């Protein structure tokens, strides 16, 4: 894998919204430059997205498509922390990779 960059987003689904959220994510098409996209269930109604990319520039160019994906499902999410909103995005370069 030639991944150089990762982006992650954490969300908390509202009660009763998980099935619709998962169905929506299954229909999404990966933005250009995204090698792999994963959603993991990390707890009760909690999910974390990991996008694996070729370069750091890929997420910048793909940001409009990623926002377009999230906009229809934002109402499925609860606020994570006061004043933070419904998503907790982070990204950065890959520093280690093991097979």
PDB file of N, CA and C in Angstrom:
ATOM      1  N   UNK A   1       0.850  -1.174   0.000  1.00  0.00           N
ATOM      2  CA  UNK A   1       0.000   0.000   0.000  1.00  0.00           C
ATOM      3  C   UNK A   1       0.889   1.228   0.000  1.00  0.00           C
ATOM      4  N   UNK A   2       0.568   2.173  -0.855  1.00  0.00           N
ATOM      5  CA  UNK A   2       1.365   3.383  -0.965  1.00  0.00           C
ATOM      6  C   UNK A   2       0.718   4.543  -0.224  1.00  0.00           C
ATOM      7  N   UNK A   3       0.007   4.257   0.861  1.00  0.00           N
ATOM      8  CA  UNK A   3      -0.683   5.314   1.598  1.00  0.00           C
ATOM      9  C   UNK A   3       0.314   6.224   2.278  1.00  0.00           C
ATOM     10  N   UNK A   4       0.057   7.500   2.195  1.00  0.00           N
ATOM     11  CA  UNK A   4       0.913   8.509   2.812  1.00  0.00           C
ATOM     12  C   UNK A   4       0.159   9.364   3.817  1.00  0.00           C
ATOM     13  N   UNK A   5      -1.168   9.297   3.800  1.00  0.00           N
ATOM     14  CA  UNK A   5      -1.966  10.234   4.577  1.00  0.00           C
ATOM     15  C   UNK A   5      -3.273   9.561   5.008  1.00  0.00           C
ATOM     16  N   UNK A   6      -3.729   9.888   6.205  1.00  0.00           N
ATOM     17  CA  UNK A   6      -4.996   9.365   6.722  1.00  0.00           C
ATOM     18  C   UNK A   6      -5.893  10.515   7.153  1.00  0.00           C
ATOM     19  N   UNK A   7      -7.192  10.329   6.975  1.00  0.00           N
ATOM     20  CA  UNK A   7      -8.116  11.252   7.622  1.00  0.00           C
ATOM     21  C   UNK A   7      -9.140  10.425   8.391  1.00  0.00           C
ATOM     22  N   UNK A   8      -9.544  10.952   9.545  1.00  0.00           N
ATOM     23  CA  UNK A   8     -10.445  10.254  10.446  1.00  0.00           C
ATOM     24  C   UNK A   8     -11.559  11.204  10.867  1.00  0.00           C
ATOM     25  N   UNK A   9     -12.736  10.629  11.113  1.00  0.00           N
ATOM     26  CA  UNK A   9     -13.860  11.392  11.644  1.00  0.00           C
ATOM     27  C   UNK A   9     -14.596  10.495  12.629  1.00  0.00           C
ATOM     28  N   UNK A  10     -14.855  11.036  13.815  1.00  0.00           N
ATOM     29  CA  UNK A  10     -15.656  10.315  14.808  1.00  0.00           C
ATOM     30  C   UNK A  10     -17.049  10.922  14.845  1.00  0.00           C
ATOM     31  N   UNK A  11     -18.055  10.037  15.019  1.00  0.00           N
ATOM     32  CA  UNK A  11     -19.435  10.498  15.144  1.00  0.00           C
ATOM     33  C   UNK A  11     -20.163   9.660  16.192  1.00  0.00           C
ATOM     34  N   UNK A  12     -21.256  10.216  16.709  1.00  0.00           N
ATOM     35  CA  UNK A  12     -22.144   9.532  17.646  1.00  0.00           C
ATOM     36  C   UNK A  12     -23.546   9.583  17.050  1.00  0.00           C
ATOM     37  N   UNK A  13     -24.073   8.413  16.688  1.00  0.00           N
ATOM     38  CA  UNK A  13     -25.410   8.353  16.084  1.00  0.00           C
ATOM     39  C   UNK A  13     -26.484   8.536  17.139  1.00  0.00           C
ATOM     40  N   UNK A  14     -27.542   9.217  16.729  1.00  0.00           N
ATOM     41  CA  UNK A  14     -28.723   9.329  17.581  1.00  0.00           C
ATOM     42  C   UNK A  14     -29.403   7.962  17.656  1.00  0.00           C
ATOM     43  N   UNK A  15     -30.132   7.752  18.738  1.00  0.00           N
ATOM     44  CA  UNK A  15     -30.900   6.510  18.884  1.00  0.00           C
ATOM     45  C   UNK A  15     -31.808   6.335  17.672  1.00  0.00           C
ATOM     46  N   UNK A  16     -31.812   5.139  17.101  1.00  0.00           N
ATOM     47  CA  UNK A  16     -32.695   4.828  15.992  1.00  0.00           C
ATOM     48  C   UNK A  16     -32.190   5.234  14.622  1.00  0.00           C
ATOM     49  N   UNK A  17     -30.994   5.810  14.536  1.00  0.00           N
ATOM     50  CA  UNK A  17     -30.486   6.300  13.242  1.00  0.00           C
ATOM     51  C   UNK A  17     -29.359   5.449  12.665  1.00  0.00           C
ATOM     52  N   UNK A  18     -28.902   4.445  13.392  1.00  0.00           N
ATOM     53  CA  UNK A  18     -27.723   3.696  12.948  1.00  0.00           C
ATOM     54  C   UNK A  18     -27.925   2.974  11.617  1.00  0.00           C
ATOM     55  N   UNK A  19     -29.050   2.298  11.447  1.00  0.00           N
ATOM     56  CA  UNK A  19     -29.266   1.545  10.206  1.00  0.00           C
ATOM     57  C   UNK A  19     -29.287   2.465   8.994  1.00  0.00           C
ATOM     58  N   UNK A  20     -29.942   3.612   9.105  1.00  0.00           N
ATOM     59  CA  UNK A  20     -29.991   4.565   7.984  1.00  0.00           C
ATOM     60  C   UNK A  20     -28.612   5.149   7.710  1.00  0.00           C
ATOM     61  N   UNK A  21     -27.847   5.424   8.772  1.00  0.00           N
ATOM     62  CA  UNK A  21     -26.490   5.937   8.606  1.00  0.00           C
ATOM     63  C   UNK A  21     -25.608   4.917   7.882  1.00  0.00           C
ATOM     64  N   UNK A  22     -25.646   3.667   8.319  1.00  0.00           N
ATOM     65  CA  UNK A  22     -24.819   2.624   7.691  1.00  0.00           C
ATOM     66  C   UNK A  22     -25.222   2.428   6.236  1.00  0.00           C
ATOM     67  N   UNK A  23     -26.525   2.428   5.956  1.00  0.00           N
ATOM     68  CA  UNK A  23     -26.992   2.287   4.571  1.00  0.00           C
ATOM     69  C   UNK A  23     -26.467   3.428   3.707  1.00  0.00           C
ATOM     70  N   UNK A  24     -26.468   4.636   4.244  1.00  0.00           N
ATOM     71  CA  UNK A  24     -25.953   5.789   3.486  1.00  0.00           C
ATOM     72  C   UNK A  24     -24.472   5.638   3.205  1.00  0.00           C
ATOM     73  N   UNK A  25     -23.694   5.195   4.195  1.00  0.00           N
ATOM     74  CA  UNK A  25     -22.248   5.078   3.980  1.00  0.00           C
ATOM     75  C   UNK A  25     -21.923   3.986   2.969  1.00  0.00           C
ATOM     76  N   UNK A  26     -22.733   2.941   2.923  1.00  0.00           N
ATOM     77  CA  UNK A  26     -22.492   1.869   1.947  1.00  0.00           C
ATOM     78  C   UNK A  26     -22.708   2.352   0.523  1.00  0.00           C
ATOM     79  N   UNK A  27     -23.521   3.374   0.336  1.00  0.00           N
ATOM     80  CA  UNK A  27     -23.806   3.904  -1.000  1.00  0.00           C
ATOM     81  C   UNK A  27     -22.771   4.929  -1.469  1.00  0.00           C
ATOM     82  N   UNK A  28     -21.941   5.428  -0.560  1.00  0.00           N
ATOM     83  CA  UNK A  28     -20.970   6.457  -0.930  1.00  0.00           C
ATOM     84  C   UNK A  28     -19.909   5.915  -1.882  1.00  0.00           C
ATOM     85  N   UNK A  29     -19.440   6.782  -2.757  1.00  0.00           N
ATOM     86  CA  UNK A  29     -18.334   6.484  -3.664  1.00  0.00           C
ATOM     87  C   UNK A  29     -17.106   7.191  -3.121  1.00  0.00           C
ATOM     88  N   UNK A  30     -15.974   6.484  -3.052  1.00  0.00           N
ATOM     89  CA  UNK A  30     -14.750   7.103  -2.537  1.00  0.00           C
ATOM     90  C   UNK A  30     -14.338   8.300  -3.390  1.00  0.00           C
ATOM     91  N   UNK A  31     -13.937   9.391  -2.736  1.00  0.00           N
ATOM     92  CA  UNK A  31     -13.416  10.527  -3.490  1.00  0.00           C
ATOM     93  C   UNK A  31     -12.127  10.146  -4.220  1.00  0.00           C
ATOM     94  N   UNK A  32     -11.822  10.883  -5.264  1.00  0.00           N
ATOM     95  CA  UNK A  32     -10.595  10.654  -6.023  1.00  0.00           C
ATOM     96  C   UNK A  32      -9.392  10.709  -5.073  1.00  0.00           C
ATOM     97  N   UNK A  33      -8.485   9.749  -5.211  1.00  0.00           N
ATOM     98  CA  UNK A  33      -7.276   9.716  -4.397  1.00  0.00           C
ATOM     99  C   UNK A  33      -7.406   8.914  -3.112  1.00  0.00           C
ATOM    100  N   UNK A  34      -8.628   8.504  -2.756  1.00  0.00           N
ATOM    101  CA  UNK A  34      -8.803   7.700  -1.548  1.00  0.00           C
ATOM    102  C   UNK A  34      -8.623   6.237  -1.920  1.00  0.00           C
ATOM    103  N   UNK A  35      -7.621   5.614  -1.325  1.00  0.00           N
ATOM    104  CA  UNK A  35      -7.337   4.216  -1.620  1.00  0.00           C
ATOM    105  C   UNK A  35      -8.321   3.279  -0.937  1.00  0.00           C
ATOM    106  N   UNK A  36      -8.651   3.567   0.317  1.00  0.00           N
ATOM    107  CA  UNK A  36      -9.565   2.742   1.100  1.00  0.00           C
ATOM    108  C   UNK A  36     -10.378   3.637   2.029  1.00  0.00           C
ATOM    109  N   UNK A  37     -11.581   3.193   2.355  1.00  0.00           N
ATOM    110  CA  UNK A  37     -12.434   3.910   3.299  1.00  0.00           C
ATOM    111  C   UNK A  37     -13.065   2.885   4.235  1.00  0.00           C
ATOM    112  N   UNK A  38     -12.948   3.126   5.526  1.00  0.00           N
ATOM    113  CA  UNK A  38     -13.470   2.208   6.533  1.00  0.00           C
ATOM    114  C   UNK A  38     -14.324   2.968   7.533  1.00  0.00           C
ATOM    115  N   UNK A  39     -15.439   2.384   7.944  1.00  0.00           N
ATOM    116  CA  UNK A  39     -16.191   2.836   9.108  1.00  0.00           C
ATOM    117  C   UNK A  39     -16.119   1.723  10.126  1.00  0.00           C
ATOM    118  N   UNK A  40     -15.743   2.051  11.349  1.00  0.00           N
ATOM    119  CA  UNK A  40     -15.689   1.072  12.440  1.00  0.00           C
ATOM    120  C   UNK A  40     -16.695   1.467  13.512  1.00  0.00           C
ATOM    121  N   UNK A  41     -17.350   0.475  14.084  1.00  0.00           N
ATOM    122  CA  UNK A  41     -18.224   0.732  15.237  1.00  0.00           C
ATOM    123  C   UNK A  41     -17.329   0.660  16.464  1.00  0.00           C
ATOM    124  N   UNK A  42     -17.191   1.770  17.157  1.00  0.00           N
ATOM    125  CA  UNK A  42     -16.229   1.857  18.265  1.00  0.00           C
ATOM    126  C   UNK A  42     -16.888   1.859  19.634  1.00  0.00           C
ATOM    127  N   UNK A  43     -18.195   1.766  19.678  1.00  0.00           N
ATOM    128  CA  UNK A  43     -18.918   1.749  20.946  1.00  0.00           C
ATOM    129  C   UNK A  43     -20.400   1.849  20.684  1.00  0.00           C
ATOM    130  N   UNK A  44     -21.177   2.042  21.738  1.00  0.00           N
ATOM    131  CA  UNK A  44     -22.615   2.161  21.616  1.00  0.00           C
ATOM    132  C   UNK A  44     -22.967   3.402  20.799  1.00  0.00           C
ATOM    133  N   UNK A  45     -23.436   3.206  19.569  1.00  0.00           N
ATOM    134  CA  UNK A  45     -23.811   4.269  18.627  1.00  0.00           C
ATOM    135  C   UNK A  45     -22.626   5.119  18.178  1.00  0.00           C
ATOM    136  N   UNK A  46     -21.402   4.708  18.481  1.00  0.00           N
ATOM    137  CA  UNK A  46     -20.196   5.474  18.119  1.00  0.00           C
ATOM    138  C   UNK A  46     -19.503   4.824  16.920  1.00  0.00           C
ATOM    139  N   UNK A  47     -19.077   5.688  15.981  1.00  0.00           N
ATOM    140  CA  UNK A  47     -18.423   5.222  14.762  1.00  0.00           C
ATOM    141  C   UNK A  47     -17.207   6.093  14.473  1.00  0.00           C
ATOM    142  N   UNK A  48     -16.247   5.486  13.798  1.00  0.00           N
ATOM    143  CA  UNK A  48     -15.044   6.206  13.399  1.00  0.00           C
ATOM    144  C   UNK A  48     -14.733   5.868  11.948  1.00  0.00           C
ATOM    145  N   UNK A  49     -14.521   6.892  11.157  1.00  0.00           N
ATOM    146  CA  UNK A  49     -14.145   6.738   9.752  1.00  0.00           C
ATOM    147  C   UNK A  49     -12.632   6.857   9.625  1.00  0.00           C
ATOM    148  N   UNK A  50     -12.052   6.003   8.786  1.00  0.00           N
ATOM    149  CA  UNK A  50     -10.639   6.116   8.434  1.00  0.00           C
ATOM    150  C   UNK A  50     -10.547   6.082   6.909  1.00  0.00           C
ATOM    151  N   UNK A  51     -10.012   7.147   6.341  1.00  0.00           N
ATOM    152  CA  UNK A  51      -9.757   7.214   4.911  1.00  0.00           C
ATOM    153  C   UNK A  51      -8.266   7.155   4.667  1.00  0.00           C
ATOM    154  N   UNK A  52      -7.854   6.250   3.801  1.00  0.00           N
ATOM    155  CA  UNK A  52      -6.434   6.080   3.476  1.00  0.00           C
ATOM    156  C   UNK A  52      -6.203   6.687   2.099  1.00  0.00           C
ATOM    157  N   UNK A  53      -5.219   7.567   2.031  1.00  0.00           N
ATOM    158  CA  UNK A  53      -5.001   8.352   0.822  1.00  0.00           C
ATOM    159  C   UNK A  53      -3.568   8.262   0.328  1.00  0.00           C
ATOM    160  N   UNK A  54      -3.399   8.611  -0.946  1.00  0.00           N
ATOM    161  CA  UNK A  54      -2.064   8.594  -1.555  1.00  0.00           C
ATOM    162  C   UNK A  54      -1.214   9.771  -1.106  1.00  0.00           C
ATOM    163  N   UNK A  55      -1.821  10.950  -1.023  1.00  0.00           N
ATOM    164  CA  UNK A  55      -1.059  12.151  -0.691  1.00  0.00           C
ATOM    165  C   UNK A  55      -1.863  13.060   0.227  1.00  0.00           C
ATOM    166  N   UNK A  56      -1.194  13.995   0.840  1.00  0.00           N
ATOM    167  CA  UNK A  56      -1.840  14.967   1.720  1.00  0.00           C
ATOM    168  C   UNK A  56      -2.766  15.895   0.943  1.00  0.00           C
ATOM    169  N   UNK A  57      -2.467  16.114  -0.322  1.00  0.00           N
ATOM    170  CA  UNK A  57      -3.292  17.013  -1.121  1.00  0.00           C
ATOM    171  C   UNK A  57      -4.654  16.397  -1.457  1.00  0.00           C
ATOM    172  N   UNK A  58      -4.750  15.072  -1.495  1.00  0.00           N
ATOM    173  CA  UNK A  58      -6.016  14.421  -1.843  1.00  0.00           C
ATOM    174  C   UNK A  58      -7.186  14.873  -0.973  1.00  0.00           C
ATOM    175  N   UNK A  59      -7.052  14.941   0.361  1.00  0.00           N
ATOM    176  CA  UNK A  59      -8.209  15.339   1.156  1.00  0.00           C
ATOM    177  C   UNK A  59      -8.652  16.771   0.898  1.00  0.00           C
ATOM    178  N   UNK A  60      -7.725  17.639   0.585  1.00  0.00           N
ATOM    179  CA  UNK A  60      -8.091  19.032   0.315  1.00  0.00           C
ATOM    180  C   UNK A  60      -8.959  19.087  -0.940  1.00  0.00           C
ATOM    181  N   UNK A  61      -8.536  18.398  -1.975  1.00  0.00           N
ATOM    182  CA  UNK A  61      -9.296  18.386  -3.222  1.00  0.00           C
ATOM    183  C   UNK A  61     -10.637  17.669  -3.063  1.00  0.00           C
ATOM    184  N   UNK A  62     -10.684  16.672  -2.179  1.00  0.00           N
ATOM    185  CA  UNK A  62     -11.899  15.875  -2.006  1.00  0.00           C
ATOM    186  C   UNK A  62     -12.842  16.439  -0.951  1.00  0.00           C
ATOM    187  N   UNK A  63     -12.450  17.501  -0.263  1.00  0.00           N
ATOM    188  CA  UNK A  63     -13.274  18.035   0.833  1.00  0.00           C
ATOM    189  C   UNK A  63     -14.725  18.313   0.405  1.00  0.00           C
ATOM    190  N   UNK A  64     -14.974  18.946  -0.769  1.00  0.00           N
ATOM    191  CA  UNK A  64     -16.375  19.177  -1.153  1.00  0.00           C
ATOM    192  C   UNK A  64     -17.185  17.877  -1.254  1.00  0.00           C
ATOM    193  N   UNK A  65     -16.593  16.818  -1.803  1.00  0.00           N
ATOM    194  CA  UNK A  65     -17.312  15.549  -1.916  1.00  0.00           C
ATOM    195  C   UNK A  65     -17.529  14.920  -0.534  1.00  0.00           C
ATOM    196  N   UNK A  66     -16.555  15.026   0.357  1.00  0.00           N
ATOM    197  CA  UNK A  66     -16.710  14.473   1.705  1.00  0.00           C
ATOM    198  C   UNK A  66     -17.821  15.216   2.457  1.00  0.00           C
ATOM    199  N   UNK A  67     -17.872  16.534   2.315  1.00  0.00           N
ATOM    200  CA  UNK A  67     -18.937  17.317   2.950  1.00  0.00           C
ATOM    201  C   UNK A  67     -20.288  16.937   2.343  1.00  0.00           C
ATOM    202  N   UNK A  68     -20.309  16.747   1.025  1.00  0.00           N
ATOM    203  CA  UNK A  68     -21.539  16.336   0.345  1.00  0.00           C
ATOM    204  C   UNK A  68     -22.036  14.991   0.887  1.00  0.00           C
ATOM    205  N   UNK A  69     -21.109  14.074   1.178  1.00  0.00           N
ATOM    206  CA  UNK A  69     -21.484  12.787   1.772  1.00  0.00           C
ATOM    207  C   UNK A  69     -22.083  12.966   3.165  1.00  0.00           C
ATOM    208  N   UNK A  70     -21.475  13.823   3.974  1.00  0.00           N
ATOM    209  CA  UNK A  70     -21.907  13.978   5.367  1.00  0.00           C
ATOM    210  C   UNK A  70     -23.189  14.800   5.525  1.00  0.00           C
ATOM    211  N   UNK A  71     -23.416  15.756   4.661  1.00  0.00           N
ATOM    212  CA  UNK A  71     -24.572  16.647   4.836  1.00  0.00           C
ATOM    213  C   UNK A  71     -25.907  15.905   5.006  1.00  0.00           C
ATOM    214  N   UNK A  72     -26.224  14.900   4.183  1.00  0.00           N
ATOM    215  CA  UNK A  72     -27.521  14.226   4.351  1.00  0.00           C
ATOM    216  C   UNK A  72     -27.629  13.389   5.636  1.00  0.00           C
ATOM    217  N   UNK A  73     -26.513  13.060   6.274  1.00  0.00           N
ATOM    218  CA  UNK A  73     -26.569  12.217   7.474  1.00  0.00           C
ATOM    219  C   UNK A  73     -26.272  12.991   8.760  1.00  0.00           C
ATOM    220  N   UNK A  74     -25.964  14.269   8.661  1.00  0.00           N
ATOM    221  CA  UNK A  74     -25.655  15.061   9.869  1.00  0.00           C
ATOM    222  C   UNK A  74     -26.777  15.022  10.907  1.00  0.00           C
ATOM    223  N   UNK A  75     -28.017  14.980  10.443  1.00  0.00           N
ATOM    224  CA  UNK A  75     -29.140  14.931  11.382  1.00  0.00           C
ATOM    225  C   UNK A  75     -29.205  13.610  12.140  1.00  0.00           C
ATOM    226  N   UNK A  76     -28.454  12.611  11.695  1.00  0.00           N
ATOM    227  CA  UNK A  76     -28.409  11.322  12.394  1.00  0.00           C
ATOM    228  C   UNK A  76     -27.457  11.363  13.591  1.00  0.00           C
ATOM    229  N   UNK A  77     -26.673  12.436  13.731  1.00  0.00           N
ATOM    230  CA  UNK A  77     -25.612  12.502  14.739  1.00  0.00           C
ATOM    231  C   UNK A  77     -25.984  13.388  15.921  1.00  0.00           C
ATOM    232  N   UNK A  78     -25.442  13.037  17.075  1.00  0.00           N
ATOM    233  CA  UNK A  78     -25.538  13.871  18.268  1.00  0.00           C
ATOM    234  C   UNK A  78     -24.253  14.675  18.409  1.00  0.00           C
ATOM    235  N   UNK A  79     -24.349  15.799  19.087  1.00  0.00           N
ATOM    236  CA  UNK A  79     -23.163  16.603  19.373  1.00  0.00           C
ATOM    237  C   UNK A  79     -22.221  15.788  20.248  1.00  0.00           C
ATOM    238  N   UNK A  80     -20.948  15.763  19.893  1.00  0.00           N
ATOM    239  CA  UNK A  80     -19.962  14.981  20.646  1.00  0.00           C
ATOM    240  C   UNK A  80     -19.573  15.670  21.948  1.00  0.00           C
ATOM    241  N   UNK A  81     -19.257  16.936  21.865  1.00  0.00           N
ATOM    242  CA  UNK A  81     -18.874  17.746  23.017  1.00  0.00           C
ATOM    243  C   UNK A  81     -19.488  19.128  22.822  1.00  0.00           C
ATOM    244  N   UNK A  82     -19.753  19.852  23.907  1.00  0.00           N
ATOM    245  CA  UNK A  82     -20.298  21.206  23.723  1.00  0.00           C
ATOM    246  C   UNK A  82     -19.393  22.060  22.830  1.00  0.00           C
ATOM    247  N   UNK A  83     -19.994  22.743  21.906  1.00  0.00           N
ATOM    248  CA  UNK A  83     -19.308  23.672  20.994  1.00  0.00           C
ATOM    249  C   UNK A  83     -18.419  22.977  19.966  1.00  0.00           C
ATOM    250  N   UNK A  84     -18.451  21.650  19.867  1.00  0.00           N
ATOM    251  CA  UNK A  84     -17.620  20.969  18.878  1.00  0.00           C
ATOM    252  C   UNK A  84     -18.410  20.607  17.635  1.00  0.00           C
ATOM    253  N   UNK A  85     -19.677  20.364  17.773  1.00  0.00           N
ATOM    254  CA  UNK A  85     -20.473  19.926  16.647  1.00  0.00           C
ATOM    255  C   UNK A  85     -20.655  18.426  16.656  1.00  0.00           C
ATOM    256  N   UNK A  86     -21.094  17.892  15.518  1.00  0.00           N
ATOM    257  CA  UNK A  86     -21.449  16.477  15.454  1.00  0.00           C
ATOM    258  C   UNK A  86     -20.356  15.596  14.874  1.00  0.00           C
ATOM    259  N   UNK A  87     -19.254  16.186  14.423  1.00  0.00           N
ATOM    260  CA  UNK A  87     -18.130  15.386  13.926  1.00  0.00           C
ATOM    261  C   UNK A  87     -16.844  15.826  14.619  1.00  0.00           C
ATOM    262  N   UNK A  88     -15.921  14.888  14.719  1.00  0.00           N
ATOM    263  CA  UNK A  88     -14.603  15.170  15.285  1.00  0.00           C
ATOM    264  C   UNK A  88     -13.565  14.734  14.248  1.00  0.00           C
ATOM    265  N   UNK A  89     -13.241  15.622  13.294  1.00  0.00           N
ATOM    266  CA  UNK A  89     -12.307  15.252  12.232  1.00  0.00           C
ATOM    267  C   UNK A  89     -10.852  15.510  12.620  1.00  0.00           C
ATOM    268  N   UNK A  90      -9.987  14.599  12.221  1.00  0.00           N
ATOM    269  CA  UNK A  90      -8.542  14.764  12.351  1.00  0.00           C
ATOM    270  C   UNK A  90      -7.894  14.126  11.130  1.00  0.00           C
ATOM    271  N   UNK A  91      -6.692  14.569  10.805  1.00  0.00           N
ATOM    272  CA  UNK A  91      -5.971  13.974   9.685  1.00  0.00           C
ATOM    273  C   UNK A  91      -4.486  14.208   9.867  1.00  0.00           C
ATOM    274  N   UNK A  92      -3.703  13.442   9.136  1.00  0.00           N
ATOM    275  CA  UNK A  92      -2.263  13.625   9.212  1.00  0.00           C
ATOM    276  C   UNK A  92      -1.507  12.612   8.384  1.00  0.00           C
ATOM    277  N   UNK A  93      -0.198  12.829   8.250  1.00  0.00           N
ATOM    278  CA  UNK A  93       0.626  11.927   7.473  1.00  0.00           C
ATOM    279  C   UNK A  93       0.850  10.604   8.215  1.00  0.00           C
ATOM    280  N   UNK A  94       1.002   9.532   7.449  1.00  0.00           N
ATOM    281  CA  UNK A  94       1.306   8.227   8.024  1.00  0.00           C
ATOM    282  C   UNK A  94       2.745   8.262   8.537  1.00  0.00           C
ATOM    283  N   UNK A  95       2.950   7.859   9.787  1.00  0.00           N
ATOM    284  CA  UNK A  95       4.299   7.831  10.347  1.00  0.00           C
ATOM    285  C   UNK A  95       4.831   6.413  10.483  1.00  0.00           C
ATOM    286  N   UNK A  96       3.961   5.421  10.608  1.00  0.00           N
ATOM    287  CA  UNK A  96       4.380   4.021  10.572  1.00  0.00           C
ATOM    288  C   UNK A  96       3.336   3.212   9.833  1.00  0.00           C
ATOM    289  N   UNK A  97       3.789   2.122   9.228  1.00  0.00           N
ATOM    290  CA  UNK A  97       2.880   1.213   8.527  1.00  0.00           C
ATOM    291  C   UNK A  97       3.486  -0.181   8.600  1.00  0.00           C
ATOM    292  N   UNK A  98       2.732  -1.124   9.104  1.00  0.00           N
ATOM    293  CA  UNK A  98       3.210  -2.520   9.182  1.00  0.00           C
ATOM    294  C   UNK A  98       2.242  -3.414   8.447  1.00  0.00           C
ATOM    295  N   UNK A  99       2.774  -4.447   7.869  1.00  0.00           N
ATOM    296  CA  UNK A  99       1.953  -5.442   7.158  1.00  0.00           C
ATOM    297  C   UNK A  99       1.922  -6.722   7.921  1.00  0.00           C
TER     298      UNK A  99
END
